Amino acid sequence: MLQTFRIMPLILLLCTSLIAQDLKSIELPKPDTTGGMPLMQALKNRHSSREFSTDTLTQPVLSNLLWAACGINRTADGKRTAPSAMNWQEIDVYIATAHGLFLYDPVKHSLVPVLSEDIREKTGMQPFVKDVPVNLIYVADLQKINRASETDKNFYSGVDAAFISENVYLFCASQGLATVVRGSVDRDVLAQAMKLRPDQKVILAQSVGYPKR
């Protein structure tokens, strides 16, 4: 199935949008929520990998990946595949690729262009991050957290980012993708490159790609 998906590379969609300087959201294909392997098998296969192919993730794969990470699975009330304390939904998922930085919009299941430059190298301290097709960046929007101390804000945003990361791990295990979550990030440098507000905080980054052949 993965080989079939490679016929429609994501790079074509991203390049077209950026060249056209279209600042509108990029609609992703509808996620396929019927596939994947049994949960117990995915748990058995779950592991971290630091060796990736440079092949670009395709539109259907990226669509399914982001929906699995924190997409909306209950449309009536907008609740998601990953839990969050008090349903704050304070973790935003950014996607760093060779063709720019994008923000995932779960409500519209779309990509919002943020930057046209490649900032993958700034998403971690490991040498492989600059070549991985996709680096996910989990950013806490602290404006969305109310009735909490600074200590609790840090705690809950860390936990909620971890929930999303584990969803990504299970999706990758199910689909035969390679992934690793990373805490070794120069958060100040990355936040500056992403042009984040002072009340936005980089929590974790996670690399995703096809396994290195």
N, C-alpha and C. Protein backbone atom coordinates (compact mmCIF):
# COMPACT_ATOMS: atom_id res chain seq x y z
N MET A 1 0.83 -1.20 0.00
CA MET A 1 0.00 0.00 0.00
C MET A 1 0.86 1.25 0.00
N LEU A 2 1.96 1.23 0.80
CA LEU A 2 2.84 2.39 0.84
C LEU A 2 3.43 2.69 -0.52
N GLN A 3 3.76 1.62 -1.29
CA GLN A 3 4.35 1.83 -2.59
C GLN A 3 3.37 2.51 -3.53
N THR A 4 2.07 2.14 -3.40
CA THR A 4 1.03 2.77 -4.22
C THR A 4 0.92 4.25 -3.90
N PHE A 5 1.00 4.59 -2.59
CA PHE A 5 0.88 5.98 -2.18
C PHE A 5 1.99 6.85 -2.75
N ARG A 6 3.15 6.26 -3.05
CA ARG A 6 4.29 7.05 -3.51
C ARG A 6 4.01 7.70 -4.86
N ILE A 7 2.97 7.25 -5.55
CA ILE A 7 2.62 7.82 -6.86
C ILE A 7 2.20 9.27 -6.71
N MET A 8 1.71 9.66 -5.54
CA MET A 8 1.20 11.02 -5.31
C MET A 8 2.04 11.71 -4.26
N PRO A 9 3.23 12.13 -4.58
CA PRO A 9 4.11 12.72 -3.56
C PRO A 9 3.60 14.04 -3.03
N LEU A 10 3.77 14.19 -1.74
CA LEU A 10 3.36 15.44 -1.08
C LEU A 10 4.12 16.63 -1.64
N ILE A 11 5.34 16.40 -2.09
CA ILE A 11 6.18 17.51 -2.55
C ILE A 11 5.50 18.32 -3.65
N LEU A 12 4.73 17.66 -4.50
CA LEU A 12 4.06 18.38 -5.59
C LEU A 12 3.04 19.37 -5.05
N LEU A 13 2.29 18.94 -4.05
CA LEU A 13 1.28 19.82 -3.45
C LEU A 13 1.93 21.01 -2.77
N LEU A 14 2.98 20.74 -1.98
CA LEU A 14 3.62 21.80 -1.23
C LEU A 14 4.32 22.79 -2.14
N CYS A 15 5.06 22.27 -3.13
CA CYS A 15 5.79 23.16 -4.04
C CYS A 15 4.83 24.06 -4.81
N THR A 16 3.74 23.48 -5.29
CA THR A 16 2.77 24.25 -6.06
C THR A 16 2.21 25.40 -5.24
N SER A 17 1.87 25.11 -3.99
CA SER A 17 1.28 26.13 -3.13
C SER A 17 2.27 27.23 -2.80
N LEU A 18 3.52 26.85 -2.53
CA LEU A 18 4.51 27.84 -2.14
C LEU A 18 4.94 28.71 -3.32
N ILE A 19 5.11 28.08 -4.50
CA ILE A 19 5.51 28.83 -5.68
C ILE A 19 4.44 29.86 -6.03
N ALA A 20 3.21 29.45 -5.86
CA ALA A 20 2.09 30.36 -6.15
C ALA A 20 1.90 31.41 -5.06
N GLN A 21 2.70 31.27 -3.97
CA GLN A 21 2.58 32.19 -2.84
C GLN A 21 1.16 32.23 -2.31
N ASP A 22 0.55 31.06 -2.29
CA ASP A 22 -0.81 30.93 -1.80
C ASP A 22 -0.77 30.75 -0.28
N LEU A 23 -1.22 31.74 0.45
CA LEU A 23 -1.18 31.67 1.89
C LEU A 23 -2.42 31.01 2.49
N LYS A 24 -3.28 30.51 1.66
CA LYS A 24 -4.46 29.82 2.15
C LYS A 24 -4.07 28.42 2.63
N SER A 25 -4.91 27.86 3.48
CA SER A 25 -4.66 26.52 3.97
C SER A 25 -4.66 25.50 2.84
N ILE A 26 -3.85 24.46 2.99
CA ILE A 26 -3.76 23.38 2.01
C ILE A 26 -4.60 22.22 2.52
N GLU A 27 -5.69 21.93 1.85
CA GLU A 27 -6.57 20.87 2.29
C GLU A 27 -5.92 19.51 2.07
N LEU A 28 -5.94 18.69 3.10
CA LEU A 28 -5.38 17.34 3.02
C LEU A 28 -6.46 16.36 2.57
N PRO A 29 -6.05 15.23 1.97
CA PRO A 29 -7.04 14.21 1.62
C PRO A 29 -7.75 13.71 2.88
N LYS A 30 -8.96 13.24 2.71
CA LYS A 30 -9.70 12.69 3.85
C LYS A 30 -8.94 11.51 4.43
N PRO A 31 -8.74 11.47 5.74
CA PRO A 31 -7.98 10.36 6.32
C PRO A 31 -8.71 9.03 6.18
N ASP A 32 -7.95 7.99 5.97
CA ASP A 32 -8.50 6.64 5.92
C ASP A 32 -8.46 6.08 7.33
N THR A 33 -9.62 6.00 7.96
CA THR A 33 -9.68 5.54 9.36
C THR A 33 -10.07 4.07 9.47
N THR A 34 -10.00 3.35 8.36
CA THR A 34 -10.40 1.94 8.37
C THR A 34 -9.21 0.98 8.29
N GLY A 35 -8.01 1.50 8.00
CA GLY A 35 -6.88 0.62 7.77
C GLY A 35 -6.04 0.40 9.02
N GLY A 36 -4.83 -0.11 8.78
CA GLY A 36 -3.89 -0.33 9.88
C GLY A 36 -3.96 -1.74 10.43
N MET A 37 -2.95 -2.08 11.21
CA MET A 37 -2.86 -3.41 11.80
C MET A 37 -3.55 -3.44 13.16
N PRO A 38 -3.82 -4.62 13.71
CA PRO A 38 -4.42 -4.71 15.05
C PRO A 38 -3.56 -4.00 16.09
N LEU A 39 -4.21 -3.43 17.09
CA LEU A 39 -3.54 -2.63 18.10
C LEU A 39 -2.41 -3.39 18.78
N MET A 40 -2.64 -4.62 19.18
CA MET A 40 -1.62 -5.38 19.90
C MET A 40 -0.39 -5.61 19.03
N GLN A 41 -0.60 -5.80 17.75
CA GLN A 41 0.54 -5.98 16.86
C GLN A 41 1.32 -4.67 16.69
N ALA A 42 0.58 -3.55 16.61
CA ALA A 42 1.25 -2.25 16.51
C ALA A 42 2.07 -1.98 17.77
N LEU A 43 1.52 -2.31 18.93
CA LEU A 43 2.27 -2.14 20.17
C LEU A 43 3.52 -3.00 20.18
N LYS A 44 3.40 -4.20 19.65
CA LYS A 44 4.56 -5.10 19.58
C LYS A 44 5.64 -4.53 18.66
N ASN A 45 5.22 -3.88 17.58
CA ASN A 45 6.16 -3.35 16.59
C ASN A 45 6.69 -1.96 16.92
N ARG A 46 6.11 -1.29 17.91
CA ARG A 46 6.49 0.08 18.20
C ARG A 46 7.94 0.16 18.67
N HIS A 47 8.71 1.06 18.03
CA HIS A 47 10.11 1.27 18.43
C HIS A 47 10.59 2.60 17.86
N SER A 48 11.72 3.07 18.38
CA SER A 48 12.35 4.29 17.87
C SER A 48 13.38 3.94 16.81
N SER A 49 13.47 4.77 15.79
CA SER A 49 14.46 4.58 14.73
C SER A 49 15.10 5.91 14.40
N ARG A 50 16.39 5.89 14.19
CA ARG A 50 17.13 7.10 13.84
C ARG A 50 17.75 7.02 12.45
N GLU A 51 17.27 6.09 11.66
CA GLU A 51 17.74 5.94 10.29
C GLU A 51 16.54 6.03 9.36
N PHE A 52 16.60 7.01 8.44
CA PHE A 52 15.45 7.32 7.60
C PHE A 52 15.85 7.37 6.13
N SER A 53 14.92 6.99 5.28
CA SER A 53 15.05 7.26 3.85
C SER A 53 14.76 8.74 3.63
N THR A 54 15.27 9.29 2.55
CA THR A 54 14.98 10.69 2.23
C THR A 54 13.71 10.82 1.38
N ASP A 55 13.03 9.70 1.10
CA ASP A 55 11.80 9.75 0.31
C ASP A 55 10.76 10.62 1.01
N THR A 56 10.09 11.45 0.24
CA THR A 56 9.08 12.36 0.78
C THR A 56 7.81 11.61 1.15
N LEU A 57 7.23 11.94 2.30
CA LEU A 57 5.93 11.37 2.65
C LEU A 57 4.87 11.86 1.68
N THR A 58 3.96 10.97 1.33
CA THR A 58 2.93 11.32 0.37
C THR A 58 1.72 11.97 1.04
N GLN A 59 0.86 12.54 0.22
CA GLN A 59 -0.34 13.21 0.75
C GLN A 59 -1.20 12.29 1.62
N PRO A 60 -1.57 11.09 1.14
CA PRO A 60 -2.41 10.22 1.98
C PRO A 60 -1.73 9.81 3.28
N VAL A 61 -0.43 9.54 3.22
CA VAL A 61 0.29 9.12 4.43
C VAL A 61 0.34 10.27 5.44
N LEU A 62 0.66 11.48 4.98
CA LEU A 62 0.72 12.62 5.89
C LEU A 62 -0.65 12.92 6.46
N SER A 63 -1.68 12.82 5.64
CA SER A 63 -3.04 13.04 6.10
C SER A 63 -3.41 12.09 7.22
N ASN A 64 -3.13 10.80 7.02
CA ASN A 64 -3.44 9.79 8.04
C ASN A 64 -2.59 9.99 9.29
N LEU A 65 -1.32 10.33 9.10
CA LEU A 65 -0.42 10.56 10.22
C LEU A 65 -0.91 11.68 11.12
N LEU A 66 -1.28 12.81 10.54
CA LEU A 66 -1.69 13.95 11.34
C LEU A 66 -3.04 13.71 12.01
N TRP A 67 -3.94 13.02 11.31
CA TRP A 67 -5.22 12.69 11.94
C TRP A 67 -4.99 11.76 13.12
N ALA A 68 -4.12 10.77 12.94
CA ALA A 68 -3.82 9.86 14.05
C ALA A 68 -3.19 10.60 15.22
N ALA A 69 -2.35 11.59 14.90
CA ALA A 69 -1.65 12.35 15.95
C ALA A 69 -2.62 13.10 16.84
N CYS A 70 -3.47 13.92 16.25
CA CYS A 70 -4.41 14.72 17.06
C CYS A 70 -5.58 15.22 16.23
N GLY A 71 -6.02 14.40 15.28
CA GLY A 71 -7.17 14.78 14.47
C GLY A 71 -8.47 14.67 15.25
N ILE A 72 -9.53 15.21 14.69
CA ILE A 72 -10.84 15.17 15.34
C ILE A 72 -11.52 13.84 15.04
N ASN A 73 -11.84 13.10 16.09
CA ASN A 73 -12.52 11.81 15.92
C ASN A 73 -13.96 11.83 16.42
N ARG A 74 -14.38 12.96 16.98
CA ARG A 74 -15.77 13.15 17.40
C ARG A 74 -16.20 14.54 16.94
N THR A 75 -16.80 14.57 15.76
CA THR A 75 -17.09 15.85 15.13
C THR A 75 -18.14 16.66 15.89
N ALA A 76 -18.99 16.01 16.65
CA ALA A 76 -20.07 16.72 17.34
C ALA A 76 -19.52 17.73 18.35
N ASP A 77 -18.42 17.37 19.02
CA ASP A 77 -17.87 18.28 20.03
C ASP A 77 -16.41 18.62 19.79
N GLY A 78 -15.87 18.22 18.64
CA GLY A 78 -14.51 18.61 18.27
C GLY A 78 -13.42 17.94 19.07
N LYS A 79 -13.73 16.83 19.72
CA LYS A 79 -12.71 16.15 20.51
C LYS A 79 -11.82 15.29 19.61
N ARG A 80 -10.62 14.97 20.12
CA ARG A 80 -9.56 14.48 19.25
C ARG A 80 -9.09 13.07 19.61
N THR A 81 -8.20 12.57 18.76
CA THR A 81 -7.64 11.24 18.96
C THR A 81 -6.70 11.19 20.15
N ALA A 82 -6.16 12.33 20.57
CA ALA A 82 -5.28 12.40 21.74
C ALA A 82 -5.97 13.21 22.84
N PRO A 83 -5.92 12.74 24.09
CA PRO A 83 -6.55 13.49 25.17
C PRO A 83 -5.73 14.71 25.56
N SER A 84 -6.37 15.65 26.24
CA SER A 84 -5.66 16.80 26.81
C SER A 84 -6.37 17.19 28.10
N ALA A 85 -5.60 17.68 29.05
CA ALA A 85 -6.16 18.07 30.34
C ALA A 85 -7.22 19.14 30.14
N MET A 86 -8.37 18.96 30.79
CA MET A 86 -9.48 19.90 30.73
C MET A 86 -9.95 20.15 29.29
N ASN A 87 -9.55 19.28 28.38
CA ASN A 87 -9.83 19.47 26.95
C ASN A 87 -9.33 20.82 26.46
N TRP A 88 -8.17 21.26 26.99
CA TRP A 88 -7.59 22.53 26.57
C TRP A 88 -7.14 22.50 25.11
N GLN A 89 -6.71 21.32 24.65
CA GLN A 89 -6.22 21.18 23.26
C GLN A 89 -5.16 22.24 22.97
N GLU A 90 -4.22 22.36 23.91
CA GLU A 90 -3.23 23.43 23.82
C GLU A 90 -2.01 23.09 22.98
N ILE A 91 -1.87 21.83 22.57
CA ILE A 91 -0.70 21.44 21.78
C ILE A 91 -0.99 21.61 20.29
N ASP A 92 -0.20 22.45 19.64
CA ASP A 92 -0.26 22.62 18.19
C ASP A 92 0.84 21.79 17.56
N VAL A 93 0.52 21.16 16.44
CA VAL A 93 1.49 20.34 15.72
C VAL A 93 1.96 21.09 14.48
N TYR A 94 3.25 21.40 14.46
CA TYR A 94 3.88 22.02 13.29
C TYR A 94 4.63 20.95 12.52
N ILE A 95 4.73 21.15 11.20
CA ILE A 95 5.37 20.19 10.32
C ILE A 95 6.48 20.89 9.56
N ALA A 96 7.73 20.50 9.86
CA ALA A 96 8.88 21.08 9.17
C ALA A 96 9.32 20.13 8.05
N THR A 97 9.35 20.64 6.82
CA THR A 97 9.75 19.85 5.66
C THR A 97 10.80 20.63 4.87
N ALA A 98 11.29 20.00 3.82
CA ALA A 98 12.27 20.66 2.96
C ALA A 98 11.68 21.88 2.28
N HIS A 99 10.36 21.96 2.21
CA HIS A 99 9.70 23.03 1.47
C HIS A 99 8.99 24.03 2.36
N GLY A 100 9.27 23.97 3.66
CA GLY A 100 8.71 24.99 4.53
C GLY A 100 8.15 24.42 5.82
N LEU A 101 7.60 25.33 6.61
CA LEU A 101 7.00 25.00 7.90
C LEU A 101 5.50 25.21 7.80
N PHE A 102 4.74 24.23 8.31
CA PHE A 102 3.29 24.27 8.24
C PHE A 102 2.69 23.98 9.61
N LEU A 103 1.50 24.48 9.84
CA LEU A 103 0.75 24.21 11.06
C LEU A 103 -0.45 23.35 10.71
N TYR A 104 -0.63 22.26 11.45
CA TYR A 104 -1.78 21.39 11.21
C TYR A 104 -3.03 21.98 11.86
N ASP A 105 -4.07 22.13 11.06
CA ASP A 105 -5.37 22.60 11.53
C ASP A 105 -6.30 21.39 11.62
N PRO A 106 -6.54 20.84 12.83
CA PRO A 106 -7.37 19.64 12.96
C PRO A 106 -8.82 19.87 12.55
N VAL A 107 -9.34 21.07 12.76
CA VAL A 107 -10.74 21.34 12.45
C VAL A 107 -11.00 21.22 10.95
N LYS A 108 -10.13 21.80 10.15
CA LYS A 108 -10.28 21.75 8.69
C LYS A 108 -9.46 20.63 8.07
N HIS A 109 -8.71 19.92 8.88
CA HIS A 109 -7.79 18.87 8.41
C HIS A 109 -6.98 19.41 7.24
N SER A 110 -6.22 20.43 7.54
CA SER A 110 -5.46 21.12 6.51
C SER A 110 -4.12 21.60 7.06
N LEU A 111 -3.24 22.02 6.15
CA LEU A 111 -1.95 22.58 6.51
C LEU A 111 -1.99 24.09 6.29
N VAL A 112 -1.57 24.83 7.29
CA VAL A 112 -1.50 26.28 7.19
C VAL A 112 -0.02 26.66 6.99
N PRO A 113 0.33 27.25 5.85
CA PRO A 113 1.73 27.64 5.63
C PRO A 113 2.18 28.68 6.66
N VAL A 114 3.35 28.47 7.22
CA VAL A 114 3.91 29.39 8.21
C VAL A 114 5.18 30.05 7.68
N LEU A 115 6.11 29.23 7.18
CA LEU A 115 7.37 29.73 6.62
C LEU A 115 7.68 28.96 5.34
N SER A 116 8.32 29.61 4.39
CA SER A 116 8.71 28.94 3.15
C SER A 116 10.12 28.38 3.22
N GLU A 117 10.83 28.62 4.33
CA GLU A 117 12.21 28.14 4.43
C GLU A 117 12.28 26.78 5.14
N ASP A 118 13.38 26.07 4.87
CA ASP A 118 13.63 24.77 5.47
C ASP A 118 14.31 24.96 6.81
N ILE A 119 13.61 24.68 7.91
CA ILE A 119 14.20 24.84 9.24
C ILE A 119 14.42 23.49 9.92
N ARG A 120 14.42 22.40 9.16
CA ARG A 120 14.54 21.07 9.76
C ARG A 120 15.78 20.95 10.64
N GLU A 121 16.89 21.54 10.21
CA GLU A 121 18.13 21.41 10.97
C GLU A 121 18.01 22.01 12.37
N LYS A 122 17.09 22.96 12.53
CA LYS A 122 16.90 23.61 13.83
C LYS A 122 15.95 22.85 14.75
N THR A 123 15.38 21.75 14.25
CA THR A 123 14.41 21.01 15.06
C THR A 123 15.06 20.01 16.01
N GLY A 124 16.37 19.92 16.01
CA GLY A 124 17.05 19.00 16.93
C GLY A 124 18.55 19.12 16.84
N MET A 125 19.21 18.43 17.74
CA MET A 125 20.67 18.49 17.81
C MET A 125 21.34 17.28 17.14
N GLN A 126 20.54 16.33 16.69
CA GLN A 126 21.08 15.16 16.02
C GLN A 126 21.29 15.46 14.54
N PRO A 127 22.35 14.92 13.94
CA PRO A 127 22.65 15.24 12.54
C PRO A 127 21.59 14.77 11.54
N PHE A 128 20.83 13.73 11.87
CA PHE A 128 19.88 13.18 10.90
C PHE A 128 18.66 14.07 10.69
N VAL A 129 18.38 15.01 11.61
CA VAL A 129 17.12 15.75 11.53
C VAL A 129 17.03 16.65 10.30
N LYS A 130 18.18 17.07 9.78
CA LYS A 130 18.16 17.99 8.64
C LYS A 130 17.75 17.31 7.34
N ASP A 131 17.76 15.97 7.32
CA ASP A 131 17.44 15.22 6.10
C ASP A 131 16.14 14.43 6.20
N VAL A 132 15.57 14.33 7.40
CA VAL A 132 14.32 13.58 7.56
C VAL A 132 13.19 14.30 6.82
N PRO A 133 12.36 13.59 6.06
CA PRO A 133 11.30 14.26 5.30
C PRO A 133 10.37 15.12 6.14
N VAL A 134 10.02 14.63 7.34
CA VAL A 134 9.08 15.35 8.20
C VAL A 134 9.59 15.38 9.63
N ASN A 135 9.66 16.57 10.19
CA ASN A 135 9.91 16.74 11.62
C ASN A 135 8.68 17.41 12.22
N LEU A 136 7.98 16.70 13.08
CA LEU A 136 6.84 17.26 13.79
C LEU A 136 7.35 18.03 15.01
N ILE A 137 6.77 19.18 15.26
CA ILE A 137 7.15 20.00 16.42
C ILE A 137 5.90 20.23 17.25
N TYR A 138 5.95 19.83 18.51
CA TYR A 138 4.80 19.97 19.40
C TYR A 138 4.98 21.25 20.23
N VAL A 139 4.08 22.19 20.00
CA VAL A 139 4.18 23.52 20.62
C VAL A 139 2.96 23.75 21.51
N ALA A 140 3.22 24.09 22.76
CA ALA A 140 2.13 24.41 23.69
C ALA A 140 1.77 25.88 23.57
N ASP A 141 0.48 26.14 23.33
CA ASP A 141 -0.04 27.51 23.34
C ASP A 141 -0.58 27.76 24.74
N LEU A 142 0.24 28.40 25.57
CA LEU A 142 -0.11 28.57 26.98
C LEU A 142 -1.30 29.49 27.20
N GLN A 143 -1.68 30.25 26.17
CA GLN A 143 -2.88 31.08 26.27
C GLN A 143 -4.14 30.22 26.46
N LYS A 144 -4.09 29.00 25.97
CA LYS A 144 -5.26 28.14 26.03
C LYS A 144 -5.43 27.46 27.39
N ILE A 145 -4.40 27.53 28.22
CA ILE A 145 -4.46 26.89 29.54
C ILE A 145 -4.87 27.92 30.58
N ASN A 146 -6.03 27.73 31.16
CA ASN A 146 -6.48 28.65 32.21
C ASN A 146 -6.61 27.89 33.53
N ARG A 147 -6.76 28.63 34.60
CA ARG A 147 -6.92 28.04 35.93
C ARG A 147 -5.79 27.08 36.27
N ALA A 148 -4.56 27.45 35.96
CA ALA A 148 -3.43 26.59 36.26
C ALA A 148 -2.20 27.43 36.58
N SER A 149 -1.39 26.92 37.50
CA SER A 149 -0.14 27.59 37.85
C SER A 149 0.88 27.36 36.74
N GLU A 150 1.98 28.08 36.78
CA GLU A 150 3.02 27.89 35.77
C GLU A 150 3.57 26.47 35.83
N THR A 151 3.70 25.94 37.03
CA THR A 151 4.18 24.56 37.18
C THR A 151 3.22 23.59 36.52
N ASP A 152 1.94 23.77 36.77
CA ASP A 152 0.94 22.88 36.18
C ASP A 152 0.86 23.04 34.67
N LYS A 153 1.03 24.25 34.17
CA LYS A 153 1.03 24.47 32.72
C LYS A 153 2.15 23.66 32.07
N ASN A 154 3.32 23.72 32.65
CA ASN A 154 4.45 22.96 32.11
C ASN A 154 4.19 21.46 32.19
N PHE A 155 3.62 21.03 33.31
CA PHE A 155 3.35 19.59 33.48
C PHE A 155 2.32 19.10 32.48
N TYR A 156 1.18 19.77 32.41
CA TYR A 156 0.12 19.31 31.53
C TYR A 156 0.50 19.38 30.05
N SER A 157 1.22 20.43 29.65
CA SER A 157 1.60 20.53 28.24
C SER A 157 2.59 19.43 27.87
N GLY A 158 3.46 19.06 28.81
CA GLY A 158 4.38 17.96 28.54
C GLY A 158 3.64 16.63 28.39
N VAL A 159 2.71 16.38 29.29
CA VAL A 159 1.92 15.14 29.23
C VAL A 159 1.10 15.08 27.94
N ASP A 160 0.44 16.19 27.60
CA ASP A 160 -0.43 16.20 26.42
C ASP A 160 0.37 16.03 25.13
N ALA A 161 1.57 16.60 25.07
CA ALA A 161 2.43 16.39 23.90
C ALA A 161 2.84 14.93 23.80
N ALA A 162 3.08 14.30 24.95
CA ALA A 162 3.48 12.88 24.95
C ALA A 162 2.35 11.99 24.43
N PHE A 163 1.10 12.33 24.74
CA PHE A 163 -0.03 11.55 24.20
C PHE A 163 -0.01 11.57 22.67
N ILE A 164 0.21 12.75 22.11
CA ILE A 164 0.24 12.90 20.64
C ILE A 164 1.40 12.11 20.06
N SER A 165 2.55 12.21 20.71
CA SER A 165 3.73 11.49 20.25
C SER A 165 3.49 9.99 20.20
N GLU A 166 2.83 9.45 21.23
CA GLU A 166 2.58 8.00 21.23
C GLU A 166 1.59 7.61 20.14
N ASN A 167 0.61 8.46 19.84
CA ASN A 167 -0.27 8.18 18.70
C ASN A 167 0.54 8.07 17.42
N VAL A 168 1.51 8.97 17.26
CA VAL A 168 2.37 8.94 16.07
C VAL A 168 3.19 7.66 16.05
N TYR A 169 3.71 7.25 17.18
CA TYR A 169 4.46 5.99 17.26
C TYR A 169 3.62 4.81 16.80
N LEU A 170 2.39 4.72 17.29
CA LEU A 170 1.54 3.59 16.94
C LEU A 170 1.15 3.62 15.47
N PHE A 171 0.89 4.82 14.95
CA PHE A 171 0.58 4.92 13.52
C PHE A 171 1.77 4.45 12.70
N CYS A 172 2.96 4.91 13.05
CA CYS A 172 4.15 4.53 12.29
C CYS A 172 4.40 3.03 12.38
N ALA A 173 4.20 2.45 13.55
CA ALA A 173 4.36 1.01 13.70
C ALA A 173 3.37 0.26 12.82
N SER A 174 2.15 0.77 12.74
CA SER A 174 1.12 0.13 11.93
C SER A 174 1.39 0.24 10.44
N GLN A 175 2.01 1.35 10.02
CA GLN A 175 2.19 1.63 8.60
C GLN A 175 3.61 1.34 8.10
N GLY A 176 4.47 0.84 8.96
CA GLY A 176 5.82 0.53 8.54
C GLY A 176 6.71 1.74 8.35
N LEU A 177 6.42 2.82 9.06
CA LEU A 177 7.23 4.03 9.00
C LEU A 177 8.23 4.06 10.15
N ALA A 178 9.27 4.86 9.99
CA ALA A 178 10.27 5.05 11.04
C ALA A 178 9.98 6.35 11.78
N THR A 179 10.21 6.35 13.09
CA THR A 179 9.99 7.57 13.87
C THR A 179 10.80 7.55 15.15
N VAL A 180 11.09 8.73 15.67
CA VAL A 180 11.71 8.87 16.98
C VAL A 180 11.30 10.22 17.55
N VAL A 181 10.90 10.23 18.83
CA VAL A 181 10.58 11.48 19.50
C VAL A 181 11.87 12.02 20.11
N ARG A 182 12.01 13.35 20.13
CA ARG A 182 13.29 13.94 20.52
C ARG A 182 13.09 15.10 21.50
N GLY A 183 13.85 15.02 22.59
CA GLY A 183 13.85 16.11 23.55
C GLY A 183 15.07 16.99 23.42
N SER A 184 16.08 16.51 22.68
CA SER A 184 17.31 17.28 22.49
C SER A 184 17.08 18.34 21.42
N VAL A 185 16.52 19.45 21.85
CA VAL A 185 16.16 20.55 20.96
C VAL A 185 16.62 21.86 21.59
N ASP A 186 17.26 22.71 20.82
CA ASP A 186 17.55 24.06 21.30
C ASP A 186 16.27 24.86 21.14
N ARG A 187 15.49 24.89 22.18
CA ARG A 187 14.14 25.44 22.10
C ARG A 187 14.12 26.93 21.80
N ASP A 188 15.08 27.65 22.31
CA ASP A 188 15.12 29.09 22.04
C ASP A 188 15.41 29.36 20.57
N VAL A 189 16.38 28.63 20.01
CA VAL A 189 16.73 28.80 18.60
C VAL A 189 15.56 28.41 17.71
N LEU A 190 14.92 27.28 18.04
CA LEU A 190 13.80 26.81 17.22
C LEU A 190 12.61 27.75 17.32
N ALA A 191 12.30 28.22 18.51
CA ALA A 191 11.18 29.15 18.69
C ALA A 191 11.40 30.43 17.89
N GLN A 192 12.63 30.90 17.88
CA GLN A 192 12.94 32.11 17.10
C GLN A 192 12.78 31.85 15.61
N ALA A 193 13.25 30.69 15.15
CA ALA A 193 13.12 30.35 13.73
C ALA A 193 11.66 30.22 13.33
N MET A 194 10.83 29.71 14.23
CA MET A 194 9.40 29.52 13.96
C MET A 194 8.60 30.79 14.15
N LYS A 195 9.25 31.82 14.73
CA LYS A 195 8.58 33.10 15.01
C LYS A 195 7.42 32.91 15.99
N LEU A 196 7.67 32.13 17.04
CA LEU A 196 6.64 31.88 18.04
C LEU A 196 6.47 33.08 18.96
N ARG A 197 5.29 33.19 19.55
CA ARG A 197 5.04 34.22 20.55
C ARG A 197 5.69 33.81 21.88
N PRO A 198 5.89 34.74 22.80
CA PRO A 198 6.47 34.40 24.11
C PRO A 198 5.64 33.37 24.88
N ASP A 199 4.31 33.34 24.65
CA ASP A 199 3.48 32.39 25.37
C ASP A 199 3.27 31.08 24.60
N GLN A 200 4.10 30.84 23.61
CA GLN A 200 4.14 29.55 22.93
C GLN A 200 5.45 28.86 23.29
N LYS A 201 5.38 27.58 23.59
CA LYS A 201 6.54 26.87 24.11
C LYS A 201 6.76 25.57 23.34
N VAL A 202 7.97 25.39 22.81
CA VAL A 202 8.33 24.13 22.16
C VAL A 202 8.49 23.06 23.23
N ILE A 203 7.76 21.94 23.08
CA ILE A 203 7.83 20.85 24.05
C ILE A 203 8.73 19.72 23.55
N LEU A 204 8.41 19.16 22.39
CA LEU A 204 9.14 18.04 21.83
C LEU A 204 9.15 18.16 20.31
N ALA A 205 10.04 17.39 19.69
CA ALA A 205 10.03 17.23 18.24
C ALA A 205 10.02 15.74 17.94
N GLN A 206 9.52 15.37 16.78
CA GLN A 206 9.45 13.96 16.40
C GLN A 206 9.69 13.81 14.91
N SER A 207 10.67 13.01 14.56
CA SER A 207 11.00 12.78 13.16
C SER A 207 10.19 11.60 12.62
N VAL A 208 9.74 11.73 11.37
CA VAL A 208 8.96 10.66 10.74
C VAL A 208 9.40 10.53 9.29
N GLY A 209 9.56 9.29 8.85
CA GLY A 209 9.91 9.05 7.44
C GLY A 209 9.81 7.57 7.12
N TYR A 210 10.12 7.23 5.88
CA TYR A 210 10.20 5.82 5.53
C TYR A 210 11.50 5.26 6.07
N PRO A 211 11.53 3.98 6.42
CA PRO A 211 12.79 3.39 6.92
C PRO A 211 13.90 3.45 5.86
N LYS A 212 15.11 3.60 6.33
CA LYS A 212 16.26 3.62 5.42
C LYS A 212 16.46 2.24 4.84
N ARG A 213 16.62 2.18 3.52
CA ARG A 213 16.77 0.89 2.86
C ARG A 213 18.26 0.53 2.77
